[in-house]
């Protein structure tokens, strides 16, 4: 999931991302992770946003656009998870 600012994305050859992984049955969801349900952001399965694994990567590593996250509640949860991980107010 690309989380960097769009102005930055347009100017730079890199983007800041949060990786996603599918949610396995019985897996605990930890602080710094956010559940996105199947269908949300066009995801095919329930998935976790791993805000504790924030990284910056080259745009060349991006393969295809899967979807966008328009749900304000989920966006806020992801923002809060990143803030928690980075110890920001």
Protein backbone atom coordinates (compact mmCIF):
# COMPACT_ATOMS: atom_id res chain seq x y z
CA UNK A 1 0.00 0.00 0.00
CA UNK A 2 1.50 3.31 -1.09
CA UNK A 3 1.28 5.80 1.78
CA UNK A 4 3.58 8.60 0.66
CA UNK A 5 2.22 11.97 -0.31
CA UNK A 6 1.12 12.25 -3.95
CA UNK A 7 3.24 15.38 -4.58
CA UNK A 8 6.29 13.42 -3.37
CA UNK A 9 5.28 10.44 -5.50
CA UNK A 10 5.13 12.59 -8.64
CA UNK A 11 8.59 14.09 -8.09
CA UNK A 12 10.64 11.17 -6.79
CA UNK A 13 11.62 7.78 -8.24
CA UNK A 14 10.58 6.10 -4.96
CA UNK A 15 7.39 5.67 -2.91
CA UNK A 16 6.80 4.81 0.74
CA UNK A 17 4.75 1.67 1.23
CA UNK A 18 3.22 -0.57 3.87
CA UNK A 19 3.25 -4.26 2.93
CA UNK A 20 0.08 -6.35 3.10
CA UNK A 21 -0.32 -10.02 3.87
CA UNK A 22 -3.33 -12.31 3.79
CA UNK A 23 -4.99 -13.03 7.12
CA UNK A 24 -4.54 -16.66 8.12
CA UNK A 25 -7.18 -18.34 10.26
CA UNK A 26 -6.45 -17.95 13.98
CA UNK A 27 -3.67 -15.39 13.47
CA UNK A 28 -3.52 -12.71 16.12
CA UNK A 29 -3.64 -9.09 14.91
CA UNK A 30 -0.92 -7.07 16.62
CA UNK A 31 -0.66 -3.34 17.33
CA UNK A 32 0.81 -1.83 14.19
CA UNK A 33 -1.36 -4.05 11.99
CA UNK A 34 -4.72 -3.14 10.47
CA UNK A 35 -7.30 -5.57 9.14
CA UNK A 36 -8.78 -4.85 5.71
CA UNK A 37 -11.70 -7.08 4.80
CA UNK A 38 -12.08 -8.87 1.47
CA UNK A 39 -13.41 -6.40 -1.11
CA UNK A 40 -12.05 -3.35 0.70
CA UNK A 41 -9.52 -1.62 -1.59
CA UNK A 42 -10.40 -4.34 -4.13
CA UNK A 43 -8.63 -7.03 -2.07
CA UNK A 44 -9.44 -10.64 -2.90
CA UNK A 45 -9.02 -11.89 0.69
CA UNK A 46 -9.03 -10.53 4.24
CA UNK A 47 -5.63 -8.88 4.62
CA UNK A 48 -3.42 -7.15 7.14
CA UNK A 49 -1.63 -3.85 6.57
CA UNK A 50 1.76 -4.19 8.25
CA UNK A 51 2.40 -0.64 9.46
CA UNK A 52 5.39 -1.85 11.50
CA UNK A 53 7.17 -2.74 8.24
CA UNK A 54 7.11 0.70 6.58
CA UNK A 55 9.66 1.02 3.79
CA UNK A 56 10.63 3.13 0.80
CA UNK A 57 11.03 1.34 -2.52
CA UNK A 58 11.76 2.16 -6.13
CA UNK A 59 8.69 2.72 -8.32
CA UNK A 60 10.20 0.11 -10.68
CA UNK A 61 9.30 -2.55 -8.10
CA UNK A 62 5.60 -1.76 -8.38
CA UNK A 63 3.80 -4.20 -10.67
CA UNK A 64 0.17 -3.15 -10.91
CA UNK A 65 -2.45 -1.01 -9.24
CA UNK A 66 -4.85 -3.26 -7.33
CA UNK A 67 -7.20 -0.65 -5.91
CA UNK A 68 -7.52 2.31 -3.59
CA UNK A 69 -8.64 2.60 0.00
CA UNK A 70 -11.45 5.12 0.23
CA UNK A 71 -12.84 4.15 3.66
CA UNK A 72 -12.03 7.00 6.09
CA UNK A 73 -12.22 4.65 9.08
CA UNK A 74 -9.64 2.26 7.66
CA UNK A 75 -7.43 5.14 6.54
CA UNK A 76 -7.52 6.53 10.08
CA UNK A 77 -6.67 3.11 11.57
CA UNK A 78 -3.66 2.81 9.26
CA UNK A 79 -2.53 6.34 10.09
CA UNK A 80 -2.82 5.55 13.81
CA UNK A 81 -0.89 2.29 13.38
CA UNK A 82 1.96 4.14 11.63
CA UNK A 83 1.98 6.79 14.36
CA UNK A 84 2.09 4.08 17.02
CA UNK A 85 5.01 2.36 15.31
CA UNK A 86 6.96 5.60 14.84
CA UNK A 87 6.05 6.85 18.33
CA UNK A 88 4.41 10.01 16.96
CA UNK A 89 1.67 11.95 18.79
